[in-house]
N, C-alpha and C. Protein backbone atom coordinates (compact mmCIF):
# COMPACT_ATOMS: atom_id res chain seq x y z
N UNK A 1 177.35 119.99 67.23
CA UNK A 1 177.93 120.26 68.54
C UNK A 1 178.42 121.70 68.61
N UNK A 2 179.15 122.15 67.59
CA UNK A 2 179.67 123.50 67.56
C UNK A 2 178.54 124.53 67.56
N UNK A 3 177.46 124.22 66.86
CA UNK A 3 176.30 125.10 66.81
C UNK A 3 175.66 125.24 68.20
N UNK A 4 175.55 124.12 68.95
CA UNK A 4 174.98 124.16 70.30
C UNK A 4 175.88 124.98 71.23
N UNK A 5 177.19 124.84 71.10
CA UNK A 5 178.14 125.58 71.92
C UNK A 5 178.01 127.08 71.65
N UNK A 6 177.88 127.45 70.39
CA UNK A 6 177.73 128.86 70.03
C UNK A 6 176.43 129.42 70.59
N UNK A 7 175.35 128.66 70.53
CA UNK A 7 174.07 129.10 71.08
C UNK A 7 174.15 129.22 72.61
N UNK A 8 174.82 128.28 73.28
CA UNK A 8 174.97 128.32 74.73
C UNK A 8 175.78 129.54 75.16
N UNK A 9 176.84 129.82 74.43
CA UNK A 9 177.68 130.98 74.72
C UNK A 9 176.89 132.27 74.53
N UNK A 10 176.14 132.35 73.45
CA UNK A 10 175.32 133.54 73.19
C UNK A 10 174.29 133.73 74.28
N UNK A 11 173.67 132.66 74.74
CA UNK A 11 172.67 132.75 75.80
C UNK A 11 173.31 133.21 77.11
N UNK A 12 174.50 132.71 77.40
CA UNK A 12 175.21 133.11 78.61
C UNK A 12 175.56 134.59 78.58
N UNK A 13 176.08 135.07 77.47
CA UNK A 13 176.43 136.48 77.33
C UNK A 13 175.19 137.34 77.48
N UNK A 14 174.08 136.95 76.87
CA UNK A 14 172.83 137.69 76.97
C UNK A 14 172.35 137.73 78.41
N UNK A 15 172.45 136.63 79.12
CA UNK A 15 172.00 136.57 80.51
C UNK A 15 172.87 137.40 81.43
N UNK A 16 174.16 137.47 81.17
CA UNK A 16 175.08 138.20 82.04
C UNK A 16 175.21 139.68 81.70
N UNK A 17 174.78 140.09 80.55
CA UNK A 17 174.95 141.48 80.12
C UNK A 17 174.41 142.50 81.12
N UNK A 18 173.18 142.35 81.66
CA UNK A 18 172.71 143.34 82.64
C UNK A 18 173.57 143.39 83.89
N UNK A 19 174.05 142.26 84.37
CA UNK A 19 174.89 142.25 85.56
C UNK A 19 176.23 142.93 85.30
N UNK A 20 176.79 142.69 84.14
CA UNK A 20 178.07 143.30 83.80
C UNK A 20 177.94 144.81 83.62
N UNK A 21 176.83 145.26 83.10
CA UNK A 21 176.63 146.69 82.87
C UNK A 21 176.49 147.46 84.18
N UNK A 22 176.03 146.80 85.25
CA UNK A 22 175.83 147.50 86.51
C UNK A 22 176.96 147.26 87.51
N UNK A 23 177.98 146.52 87.12
CA UNK A 23 179.10 146.26 88.02
C UNK A 23 179.87 147.55 88.29
N UNK A 24 180.34 147.76 89.53
CA UNK A 24 181.10 148.96 89.82
C UNK A 24 182.40 148.98 89.03
N UNK A 25 182.91 150.19 88.75
CA UNK A 25 184.12 150.34 87.95
C UNK A 25 185.30 149.63 88.59
N UNK A 26 185.40 149.66 89.92
CA UNK A 26 186.54 149.04 90.58
C UNK A 26 186.55 147.53 90.38
N UNK A 27 185.40 146.92 90.11
CA UNK A 27 185.36 145.48 89.87
C UNK A 27 185.99 145.13 88.53
N UNK A 28 185.94 146.06 87.59
CA UNK A 28 186.48 145.82 86.26
C UNK A 28 187.91 146.30 86.12
N UNK A 29 188.43 147.01 87.09
CA UNK A 29 189.79 147.53 87.01
C UNK A 29 189.91 148.83 87.77
N UNK A 30 190.93 149.62 87.47
CA UNK A 30 191.13 150.87 88.19
C UNK A 30 189.89 151.76 88.14
N UNK A 31 189.61 152.44 89.25
CA UNK A 31 188.42 153.26 89.36
C UNK A 31 188.61 154.67 88.84
N UNK A 32 189.61 154.88 88.01
CA UNK A 32 189.88 156.22 87.49
C UNK A 32 190.44 156.10 86.09
N UNK A 33 190.06 157.02 85.24
CA UNK A 33 190.60 157.05 83.87
C UNK A 33 191.92 157.80 83.87
N UNK A 34 192.97 157.15 83.44
CA UNK A 34 194.28 157.80 83.34
C UNK A 34 194.40 158.46 81.98
N UNK A 35 195.11 159.57 81.96
CA UNK A 35 195.36 160.25 80.70
C UNK A 35 196.85 160.37 80.46
N UNK A 36 197.25 160.60 79.22
CA UNK A 36 198.67 160.80 78.94
C UNK A 36 199.19 162.00 79.71
N UNK A 37 200.38 161.87 80.25
CA UNK A 37 200.99 162.97 80.98
C UNK A 37 200.61 163.05 82.43
N UNK A 38 199.81 162.11 82.93
CA UNK A 38 199.36 162.13 84.32
C UNK A 38 200.04 161.03 85.14
N UNK A 39 200.08 161.26 86.44
CA UNK A 39 200.40 160.20 87.38
C UNK A 39 199.16 160.03 88.25
N UNK A 40 198.76 158.77 88.45
CA UNK A 40 197.56 158.49 89.22
C UNK A 40 197.92 157.64 90.43
N UNK A 41 197.20 157.88 91.51
CA UNK A 41 197.41 157.21 92.78
C UNK A 41 196.12 156.54 93.22
N UNK A 42 196.24 155.36 93.86
CA UNK A 42 195.07 154.63 94.34
C UNK A 42 195.23 154.27 95.80
N UNK A 43 194.10 154.06 96.46
CA UNK A 43 194.08 153.73 97.88
C UNK A 43 194.17 152.24 98.17
N UNK A 44 194.20 151.41 97.13
CA UNK A 44 194.28 149.96 97.30
C UNK A 44 195.41 149.41 96.42
N UNK A 45 195.95 148.25 96.76
CA UNK A 45 196.99 147.64 95.93
C UNK A 45 196.49 147.36 94.51
N UNK A 46 197.41 147.27 93.60
CA UNK A 46 197.09 146.89 92.23
C UNK A 46 196.29 147.93 91.47
N UNK A 47 196.41 149.20 91.86
CA UNK A 47 195.73 150.31 91.19
C UNK A 47 194.22 150.16 91.27
N UNK A 48 193.73 149.87 92.46
CA UNK A 48 192.30 149.75 92.74
C UNK A 48 191.94 150.68 93.89
N UNK A 49 190.68 150.78 94.16
CA UNK A 49 190.20 151.66 95.22
C UNK A 49 189.91 153.04 94.67
N UNK A 50 189.97 154.04 95.51
CA UNK A 50 189.72 155.42 95.11
C UNK A 50 190.94 155.96 94.37
N UNK A 51 190.72 156.55 93.22
CA UNK A 51 191.81 157.08 92.41
C UNK A 51 191.89 158.60 92.45
N UNK A 52 193.10 159.09 92.24
CA UNK A 52 193.37 160.53 92.14
C UNK A 52 194.48 160.70 91.12
N UNK A 53 194.31 161.61 90.17
CA UNK A 53 195.33 161.85 89.15
C UNK A 53 195.83 163.29 89.20
N UNK A 54 197.11 163.44 88.89
CA UNK A 54 197.77 164.75 88.84
C UNK A 54 198.36 164.92 87.44
N UNK A 55 198.17 166.12 86.89
CA UNK A 55 198.78 166.48 85.62
C UNK A 55 199.62 167.73 85.85
N UNK A 56 200.93 167.68 85.51
CA UNK A 56 201.77 168.86 85.69
C UNK A 56 201.28 170.02 84.83
N UNK A 57 201.64 171.23 85.14
CA UNK A 57 202.72 171.66 86.03
C UNK A 57 202.22 172.05 87.42
N UNK A 58 203.20 172.35 88.29
CA UNK A 58 202.91 172.88 89.61
C UNK A 58 202.82 171.82 90.69
N UNK A 59 202.49 172.30 91.88
CA UNK A 59 202.33 171.45 93.05
C UNK A 59 200.84 171.27 93.33
N UNK A 60 200.49 170.07 93.80
CA UNK A 60 199.10 169.82 94.18
C UNK A 60 199.06 168.92 95.40
N UNK A 61 198.29 169.32 96.40
CA UNK A 61 198.05 168.49 97.57
C UNK A 61 197.18 167.30 97.16
N UNK A 62 197.43 166.16 97.78
CA UNK A 62 196.56 165.02 97.56
C UNK A 62 195.30 165.19 98.41
N UNK A 63 194.18 164.67 97.94
CA UNK A 63 192.96 164.75 98.75
C UNK A 63 193.12 163.94 100.03
N UNK A 64 192.29 164.20 101.01
CA UNK A 64 192.35 163.50 102.29
C UNK A 64 192.30 161.98 102.11
N UNK A 65 191.55 161.51 101.13
CA UNK A 65 191.45 160.07 100.89
C UNK A 65 192.80 159.43 100.57
N UNK A 66 193.76 160.23 100.08
CA UNK A 66 195.07 159.71 99.67
C UNK A 66 196.21 160.19 100.55
N UNK A 67 195.97 161.21 101.35
CA UNK A 67 197.02 161.80 102.18
C UNK A 67 197.56 160.76 103.16
N UNK A 68 198.81 160.34 102.95
CA UNK A 68 199.46 159.29 103.74
C UNK A 68 198.74 157.94 103.65
N UNK A 69 197.88 157.76 102.64
CA UNK A 69 197.11 156.52 102.51
C UNK A 69 197.14 155.97 101.09
N UNK A 70 198.12 156.36 100.32
CA UNK A 70 198.22 155.89 98.93
C UNK A 70 198.93 154.54 98.92
N UNK A 71 198.38 153.58 98.19
CA UNK A 71 198.94 152.23 98.20
C UNK A 71 199.56 151.85 96.86
N UNK A 72 199.08 152.43 95.77
CA UNK A 72 199.65 152.11 94.46
C UNK A 72 199.59 153.33 93.56
N UNK A 73 200.42 153.32 92.51
CA UNK A 73 200.43 154.44 91.56
C UNK A 73 200.90 153.97 90.20
N UNK A 74 200.63 154.77 89.19
CA UNK A 74 201.13 154.55 87.83
C UNK A 74 201.32 155.91 87.18
N UNK A 75 202.48 156.11 86.58
CA UNK A 75 202.77 157.35 85.87
C UNK A 75 202.69 157.12 84.37
N UNK A 76 201.92 157.96 83.71
CA UNK A 76 201.87 157.98 82.25
C UNK A 76 202.48 159.28 81.75
N UNK A 77 203.34 159.88 82.58
CA UNK A 77 204.01 161.13 82.24
C UNK A 77 205.39 160.83 81.68
N UNK A 78 205.79 161.59 80.69
CA UNK A 78 207.11 161.43 80.08
C UNK A 78 208.09 162.43 80.70
N UNK A 79 208.05 162.53 82.03
CA UNK A 79 208.95 163.41 82.76
C UNK A 79 209.02 162.95 84.21
N UNK A 80 210.06 163.39 84.91
CA UNK A 80 210.17 163.09 86.32
C UNK A 80 209.12 163.88 87.09
N UNK A 81 208.49 163.23 88.06
CA UNK A 81 207.57 163.88 88.98
C UNK A 81 208.02 163.54 90.39
N UNK A 82 207.50 164.25 91.37
CA UNK A 82 207.99 164.11 92.73
C UNK A 82 206.83 163.95 93.72
N UNK A 83 206.86 162.87 94.48
CA UNK A 83 205.93 162.68 95.59
C UNK A 83 206.55 163.42 96.77
N UNK A 84 205.78 164.30 97.40
CA UNK A 84 206.30 165.17 98.45
C UNK A 84 205.74 164.77 99.81
N UNK A 85 206.63 164.74 100.81
CA UNK A 85 206.26 164.48 102.20
C UNK A 85 206.69 165.69 103.02
N UNK A 86 205.71 166.43 103.55
CA UNK A 86 206.01 167.61 104.36
C UNK A 86 206.16 167.19 105.81
N UNK A 87 207.33 167.46 106.40
CA UNK A 87 207.56 167.20 107.82
C UNK A 87 207.33 168.48 108.61
N UNK A 88 207.58 168.41 109.88
CA UNK A 88 207.38 169.58 110.75
C UNK A 88 208.37 170.69 110.42
N UNK A 89 209.63 170.35 110.15
CA UNK A 89 210.65 171.36 109.89
C UNK A 89 211.32 171.21 108.53
N UNK A 90 210.98 170.20 107.80
CA UNK A 90 211.62 169.96 106.51
C UNK A 90 210.67 169.15 105.62
N UNK A 91 211.16 168.81 104.44
CA UNK A 91 210.34 167.99 103.54
C UNK A 91 211.25 167.03 102.77
N UNK A 92 210.63 165.97 102.27
CA UNK A 92 211.34 164.94 101.54
C UNK A 92 210.58 164.65 100.26
N UNK A 93 211.32 164.16 99.26
CA UNK A 93 210.65 163.76 98.03
C UNK A 93 211.07 162.36 97.64
N UNK A 94 210.20 161.73 96.89
CA UNK A 94 210.49 160.44 96.27
C UNK A 94 210.30 160.66 94.78
N UNK A 95 211.32 160.42 94.00
CA UNK A 95 211.27 160.59 92.56
C UNK A 95 210.36 159.55 91.92
N UNK A 96 209.47 160.02 91.06
CA UNK A 96 208.64 159.14 90.24
C UNK A 96 209.12 159.31 88.80
N UNK A 97 209.78 158.30 88.29
CA UNK A 97 210.35 158.38 86.94
C UNK A 97 209.26 158.20 85.88
N UNK A 98 209.56 158.62 84.64
CA UNK A 98 208.58 158.44 83.56
C UNK A 98 208.12 156.98 83.46
N UNK A 99 206.82 156.81 83.41
CA UNK A 99 206.17 155.50 83.23
C UNK A 99 206.46 154.52 84.37
N UNK A 100 206.83 155.06 85.54
CA UNK A 100 207.06 154.26 86.74
C UNK A 100 205.72 153.81 87.31
N UNK A 101 205.70 152.71 88.05
CA UNK A 101 204.49 152.27 88.72
C UNK A 101 204.84 151.37 89.89
N UNK A 102 203.91 151.24 90.81
CA UNK A 102 204.03 150.28 91.89
C UNK A 102 202.63 149.83 92.28
N UNK A 103 202.44 148.54 92.41
CA UNK A 103 201.16 147.99 92.83
C UNK A 103 201.05 147.85 94.34
N UNK A 104 202.16 148.06 95.05
CA UNK A 104 202.17 148.00 96.51
C UNK A 104 203.28 148.93 96.99
N UNK A 105 203.00 150.22 97.05
CA UNK A 105 203.99 151.28 97.22
C UNK A 105 204.14 151.65 98.69
N UNK A 106 205.25 151.30 99.29
CA UNK A 106 205.45 151.59 100.71
C UNK A 106 205.59 153.10 100.97
N UNK A 107 206.12 153.88 100.02
CA UNK A 107 206.29 155.31 100.24
C UNK A 107 204.95 156.05 100.27
N UNK A 108 203.90 155.43 99.79
CA UNK A 108 202.59 156.07 99.78
C UNK A 108 202.06 156.38 101.16
N UNK A 109 202.61 155.77 102.20
CA UNK A 109 202.19 156.08 103.56
C UNK A 109 202.75 157.42 104.03
N UNK A 110 203.57 158.06 103.19
CA UNK A 110 204.18 159.35 103.54
C UNK A 110 203.70 160.50 102.65
N UNK A 111 203.09 160.22 101.53
CA UNK A 111 202.83 161.24 100.52
C UNK A 111 201.77 162.26 100.97
N UNK A 112 202.11 163.55 100.77
CA UNK A 112 201.20 164.66 101.06
C UNK A 112 200.79 165.38 99.78
N UNK A 113 201.71 165.42 98.81
CA UNK A 113 201.44 166.14 97.58
C UNK A 113 202.30 165.60 96.45
N UNK A 114 202.11 166.17 95.28
CA UNK A 114 202.86 165.76 94.09
C UNK A 114 203.20 167.02 93.30
N UNK A 115 204.37 167.00 92.65
CA UNK A 115 204.84 168.18 91.94
C UNK A 115 205.70 167.79 90.75
N UNK A 116 205.91 168.78 89.88
CA UNK A 116 206.81 168.56 88.75
C UNK A 116 208.22 169.03 89.08
N UNK A 117 208.46 169.47 90.34
CA UNK A 117 209.81 169.78 90.81
C UNK A 117 209.95 169.28 92.24
N UNK A 118 211.15 169.29 92.76
CA UNK A 118 211.39 168.69 94.08
C UNK A 118 211.00 169.60 95.24
N UNK A 119 210.45 170.79 94.98
CA UNK A 119 209.98 171.72 96.00
C UNK A 119 211.07 172.06 97.02
N UNK A 120 212.33 171.92 96.59
CA UNK A 120 213.50 172.18 97.47
C UNK A 120 213.55 171.25 98.67
N UNK A 121 213.00 170.07 98.50
CA UNK A 121 213.00 169.06 99.55
C UNK A 121 214.24 168.17 99.41
N UNK A 122 214.49 167.38 100.42
CA UNK A 122 215.59 166.43 100.39
C UNK A 122 215.12 165.10 99.81
N UNK A 123 216.01 164.41 99.14
CA UNK A 123 215.68 163.07 98.64
C UNK A 123 215.46 162.15 99.81
N UNK A 124 214.45 161.31 99.73
CA UNK A 124 214.15 160.36 100.82
C UNK A 124 214.99 159.11 100.67
């Protein structure tokens, strides 16, 4: 019985291997490779969808795909980072603490850029 189960499992894995190899990256998990020291943002809940990563130092605008449309994030940085929202006459920041994450981030509807300093903005 155990021998038949092992053979059935092996046959199933062999049959599914081509389908698994061609599956899109987002089906298997986040669509972006995170690196140490980066914070990454996604356009869908649970760190799925289109990904964008930032590595300090300095300020960086988010791409149009993420500008005010970020839904989740994960920080693998061992430092505070700042999500920046530029208003007409002022700006606001949301602190991203080391190793912080959110799978459904409400502040992502405001994010314009990310920085390793608060850009002289006000806390949101």
